[in-house]
Amino acid sequence: MKTDPFSHIAPYYDLLFRDINYEEWALYISRILQFARIRVKRILEIGCGTGNLTKHLIAMGYEVVGVDLSEGMLEIARKKLPGVEFIQGDVRTLYLGQQYDAVVSTFDSLNNLLTEEELFQAFQRIREHIKEGGIFVGDLNTPTAMIEDWNGKVWVKDLEDGTLSLWRGEYDGDSVSTLNLTLFVPQGEEIYRRVDATFRERGYTLTTVSRLLKRVGFLRVWAFDGRTFEKPTKRSKRITYAAY
């Protein structure tokens, strides 16, 4: 059985992405909801990870239920936010028996689905969990990001606790890239423990995502370049979608 790469790095996840402004992301989502004039109280967050975005959405007054495939990530989220409901589940087969005012998914969580059919299945489950008149807000990386940002790139970063992180990206073709992460975690004076994890993502075009969202029943789809309200271009690397 393959090791879940997200659970494998869960203890280091918040350190690795300490520079991500989750509060800004939460404010952006809230602005989209206001712009769409949809009253939202209950949110289902897909790919909630260790609960960083969850925390800020709750601080803004929303009731949030978090879902993630990685039990290791959820263990940390539950410790961080003990009063919040976090559920282990696969978005492709998710059935909670409830509907929400909004479903959100950020930080290219859905790019971990490597085929169009898997993404379609995810959108079906997402649509089924949204109340009539509700909305889906989520972002996905594009093929441009896979080719330009992940192809043959190497990043090295010293984390605050002395851990050294090494990222190596390779483009596999067909809009799919592989990202290899190696961590050297200090265990004592000049002694390190090595942790390895491999992630794969597929980039999806605006045309494909919009088509799939409409195929599952969303009547209107907006698309924005990154976390802006500008229209995407051929050079866009991350596109945020709002569908209802």
Protein backbone atom coordinates (compact mmCIF):
# COMPACT_ATOMS: atom_id res chain seq x y z
CA MET A 1 0.00 0.00 0.00
CA LYS A 2 1.37 3.41 -0.96
CA THR A 3 2.05 5.91 1.81
CA ASP A 4 -0.24 8.92 1.69
CA PRO A 5 2.25 11.73 0.91
CA PHE A 6 0.16 14.37 2.68
CA SER A 7 -0.05 12.35 5.89
CA HIS A 8 3.67 11.68 5.57
CA ILE A 9 4.50 15.39 5.69
CA ALA A 10 1.58 16.47 7.91
CA PRO A 11 3.81 17.27 10.93
CA TYR A 12 5.79 19.72 8.76
CA TYR A 13 3.00 21.07 6.58
CA ASP A 14 2.37 24.32 8.47
CA LEU A 15 6.08 25.09 8.55
CA LEU A 16 6.43 24.40 4.83
CA PHE A 17 3.60 26.78 3.93
CA ARG A 18 3.98 29.33 6.69
CA ASP A 19 4.24 32.13 4.12
CA ILE A 20 0.78 31.42 2.62
CA ASN A 21 -1.67 34.18 3.52
CA TYR A 22 -4.76 32.12 4.34
CA GLU A 23 -6.54 35.14 5.79
CA GLU A 24 -6.25 36.90 2.43
CA TRP A 25 -7.61 33.77 0.73
CA ALA A 26 -10.61 33.72 3.11
CA LEU A 27 -11.31 37.41 2.44
CA TYR A 28 -11.17 36.76 -1.30
CA ILE A 29 -13.70 33.93 -1.03
CA SER A 30 -15.96 36.16 1.05
CA ARG A 31 -15.77 38.89 -1.59
CA ILE A 32 -16.81 36.40 -4.28
CA LEU A 33 -19.79 35.32 -2.18
CA GLN A 34 -20.81 38.95 -1.67
CA PHE A 35 -20.32 39.72 -5.36
CA ALA A 36 -22.57 36.77 -6.26
CA ARG A 37 -25.16 38.04 -3.75
CA ILE A 38 -25.48 34.62 -2.21
CA ARG A 39 -26.16 34.42 1.52
CA VAL A 40 -23.81 31.85 2.97
CA LYS A 41 -23.79 30.53 6.52
CA ARG A 42 -22.60 26.91 6.21
CA ILE A 43 -19.55 26.01 4.13
CA LEU A 44 -18.17 22.60 3.20
CA GLU A 45 -14.42 22.89 2.65
CA ILE A 46 -12.90 20.25 0.38
CA GLY A 47 -9.19 19.62 0.87
CA CYS A 48 -9.09 21.45 4.19
CA GLY A 49 -5.65 20.13 5.11
CA THR A 50 -4.54 21.20 8.59
CA GLY A 51 -7.36 23.74 8.88
CA ASN A 52 -5.52 26.96 8.09
CA LEU A 53 -8.20 28.39 5.79
CA THR A 54 -10.91 26.85 7.96
CA LYS A 55 -9.73 28.91 10.93
CA HIS A 56 -10.08 32.20 9.06
CA LEU A 57 -13.45 31.35 7.53
CA ILE A 58 -14.78 30.57 11.01
CA ALA A 59 -13.33 33.84 12.34
CA MET A 60 -15.36 35.60 9.64
CA GLY A 61 -18.57 34.09 10.99
CA TYR A 62 -19.07 31.07 8.73
CA GLU A 63 -19.88 27.58 10.00
CA VAL A 64 -17.40 25.22 8.34
CA VAL A 65 -17.15 21.47 7.95
CA GLY A 66 -13.77 20.32 6.66
CA VAL A 67 -13.10 17.27 4.48
CA ASP A 68 -9.72 15.87 3.51
CA LEU A 69 -8.42 12.57 2.18
CA SER A 70 -5.41 12.64 4.51
CA GLU A 71 -6.11 11.47 8.05
CA GLY A 72 -2.69 12.76 9.10
CA MET A 73 -3.59 16.30 8.06
CA LEU A 74 -6.96 16.03 9.79
CA GLU A 75 -5.37 14.95 13.07
CA ILE A 76 -3.54 18.29 13.15
CA ALA A 77 -6.65 20.22 12.10
CA ARG A 78 -8.67 18.68 14.95
CA LYS A 79 -6.03 19.65 17.50
CA LYS A 80 -5.90 23.17 16.09
CA LEU A 81 -9.70 23.61 15.95
CA PRO A 82 -11.21 21.13 18.46
CA GLY A 83 -14.77 22.44 18.10
CA VAL A 84 -14.90 22.01 14.32
CA GLU A 85 -16.16 18.94 12.46
CA PHE A 86 -13.48 17.40 10.25
CA ILE A 87 -14.26 14.35 8.12
CA GLN A 88 -11.90 11.98 6.32
CA GLY A 89 -13.20 11.40 2.82
CA ASP A 90 -12.49 11.22 -0.89
CA VAL A 91 -14.22 13.98 -2.87
CA ARG A 92 -14.81 11.55 -5.74
CA THR A 93 -17.10 9.35 -3.61
CA LEU A 94 -18.14 11.75 -0.84
CA TYR A 95 -21.64 11.42 0.60
CA LEU A 96 -22.42 13.32 3.80
CA GLY A 97 -26.22 13.31 3.54
CA GLN A 98 -26.28 17.09 3.94
CA GLN A 99 -26.22 20.17 1.76
CA TYR A 100 -24.42 23.44 2.33
CA ASP A 101 -24.76 27.04 1.22
CA ALA A 102 -21.31 26.86 -0.36
CA VAL A 103 -18.55 24.39 -1.11
CA VAL A 104 -15.00 25.74 -1.35
CA SER A 105 -11.73 24.15 -2.41
CA THR A 106 -8.46 26.07 -2.51
CA PHE A 107 -4.70 25.74 -2.91
CA ASP A 108 -5.13 23.60 -6.08
CA SER A 109 -6.46 20.66 -4.04
CA LEU A 110 -8.47 19.37 -7.01
CA ASN A 111 -5.36 19.26 -9.21
CA ASN A 112 -4.43 16.07 -7.34
CA LEU A 113 -7.11 14.37 -9.46
CA LEU A 114 -5.14 13.23 -12.49
CA THR A 115 -7.88 12.50 -15.01
CA GLU A 116 -10.80 14.44 -16.41
CA GLU A 117 -13.14 11.66 -15.32
CA GLU A 118 -11.96 11.95 -11.71
CA LEU A 119 -12.47 15.71 -11.78
CA PHE A 120 -15.95 15.18 -13.20
CA GLN A 121 -16.75 12.75 -10.38
CA ALA A 122 -15.53 15.31 -7.84
CA PHE A 123 -17.71 18.04 -9.35
CA GLN A 124 -20.71 15.69 -9.22
CA ARG A 125 -20.22 15.09 -5.50
CA ILE A 126 -19.62 18.79 -4.90
CA ARG A 127 -22.81 19.74 -6.75
CA GLU A 128 -24.83 17.23 -4.74
CA HIS A 129 -23.68 18.84 -1.48
CA ILE A 130 -24.79 22.36 -2.45
CA LYS A 131 -28.22 23.69 -1.60
CA GLU A 132 -30.46 25.14 -4.30
CA GLY A 133 -29.19 28.66 -4.89
CA GLY A 134 -25.79 27.83 -3.37
CA ILE A 135 -22.33 28.22 -4.88
CA PHE A 136 -19.02 26.46 -5.48
CA VAL A 137 -15.77 28.44 -5.23
CA GLY A 138 -12.50 26.71 -6.04
CA ASP A 139 -9.18 27.17 -7.77
CA LEU A 140 -7.15 24.94 -10.06
CA ASN A 141 -3.71 25.24 -11.58
CA THR A 142 -3.54 25.34 -15.37
CA PRO A 143 -1.32 23.38 -17.78
CA THR A 144 0.80 26.54 -18.06
CA ALA A 145 1.68 26.23 -14.36
CA MET A 146 2.62 22.57 -14.79
CA ILE A 147 4.95 23.37 -17.69
CA GLU A 148 6.50 26.62 -16.50
CA ASP A 149 6.52 26.39 -12.69
CA TRP A 150 7.07 22.67 -12.12
CA ASN A 151 9.32 21.68 -15.02
CA GLY A 152 12.95 21.11 -14.07
CA LYS A 153 12.76 23.51 -11.14
CA VAL A 154 14.53 23.12 -7.80
CA TRP A 155 13.69 25.04 -4.63
CA VAL A 156 15.64 24.92 -1.38
CA LYS A 157 14.35 26.50 1.82
CA ASP A 158 15.43 26.54 5.45
CA LEU A 159 12.43 26.25 7.76
CA GLU A 160 12.16 27.97 11.11
CA ASP A 161 12.88 24.85 13.17
CA GLY A 162 16.09 24.14 11.26
CA THR A 163 14.52 21.69 8.82
CA LEU A 164 15.87 21.91 5.27
CA SER A 165 13.34 21.43 2.47
CA LEU A 166 14.27 20.50 -1.09
CA TRP A 167 11.64 20.56 -3.86
CA ARG A 168 12.29 19.16 -7.35
CA GLY A 169 9.72 19.48 -10.09
CA GLU A 170 9.48 17.60 -13.39
CA TYR A 171 6.95 17.87 -16.21
CA ASP A 172 5.68 14.42 -17.21
CA GLY A 173 3.64 15.47 -20.24
CA ASP A 174 -0.12 15.64 -20.86
CA SER A 175 -0.42 18.55 -18.37
CA VAL A 176 0.87 16.36 -15.50
CA SER A 177 3.87 17.22 -13.31
CA THR A 178 5.62 15.47 -10.45
CA LEU A 179 6.92 17.29 -7.39
CA ASN A 180 9.44 15.48 -5.20
CA LEU A 181 9.94 16.82 -1.68
CA THR A 182 12.84 15.89 0.57
CA LEU A 183 13.03 17.12 4.14
CA PHE A 184 16.09 16.93 6.39
CA VAL A 185 14.68 17.17 9.91
CA PRO A 186 17.15 17.93 12.74
CA GLN A 187 17.35 15.15 15.35
CA GLY A 188 20.33 16.42 17.30
CA GLU A 189 23.70 18.02 16.73
CA GLU A 190 24.59 17.41 13.05
CA ILE A 191 22.06 14.56 12.89
CA TYR A 192 19.11 14.70 10.49
CA ARG A 193 16.22 12.43 9.60
CA ARG A 194 15.31 12.30 5.94
CA VAL A 195 11.65 12.43 4.88
CA ASP A 196 10.63 11.94 1.23
CA ALA A 197 7.27 12.50 -0.41
CA THR A 198 6.10 12.63 -4.03
CA PHE A 199 3.13 14.59 -5.33
CA ARG A 200 1.55 14.66 -8.78
CA GLU A 201 -0.81 17.24 -10.21
CA ARG A 202 -2.57 17.72 -13.50
CA GLY A 203 -3.30 21.18 -14.83
CA TYR A 204 -6.75 21.83 -16.29
CA THR A 205 -7.73 24.43 -18.87
CA LEU A 206 -10.46 27.00 -18.40
CA THR A 207 -12.43 25.32 -21.19
CA THR A 208 -12.29 21.89 -19.55
CA VAL A 209 -13.20 23.04 -16.05
CA SER A 210 -16.07 25.22 -17.25
CA ARG A 211 -17.43 22.40 -19.40
CA LEU A 212 -17.35 19.91 -16.52
CA LEU A 213 -18.96 22.33 -14.07
CA LYS A 214 -21.82 22.94 -16.47
CA ARG A 215 -22.10 19.22 -17.21
CA VAL A 216 -22.88 18.48 -13.55
CA GLY A 217 -25.60 21.10 -13.46
CA PHE A 218 -24.11 24.49 -12.66
CA LEU A 219 -25.85 27.05 -14.84
CA ARG A 220 -23.34 29.86 -14.57
CA VAL A 221 -19.56 29.78 -14.20
CA TRP A 222 -17.31 32.73 -13.49
CA ALA A 223 -13.54 32.49 -13.85
CA PHE A 224 -10.87 34.79 -12.44
CA ASP A 225 -7.10 35.03 -12.85
CA GLY A 226 -5.56 33.80 -9.59
CA ARG A 227 -6.98 35.62 -6.58
CA THR A 228 -8.13 38.65 -8.56
CA PHE A 229 -11.31 39.67 -10.32
CA GLU A 230 -9.55 39.91 -13.68
CA LYS A 231 -10.39 37.61 -16.58
CA PRO A 232 -8.03 34.65 -17.09
CA THR A 233 -5.63 34.75 -20.03
CA LYS A 234 -3.63 32.12 -21.88
CA ARG A 235 -0.79 32.91 -19.46
CA SER A 236 -2.86 32.34 -16.30
CA LYS A 237 -1.32 29.75 -14.00
CA ARG A 238 -4.11 29.52 -11.41
CA ILE A 239 -7.79 30.14 -12.12
CA THR A 240 -10.47 30.62 -9.48
CA TYR A 241 -13.96 29.44 -10.42
CA ALA A 242 -17.32 30.46 -8.98
CA ALA A 243 -20.18 28.25 -10.14
CA TYR A 244 -23.87 28.28 -9.21
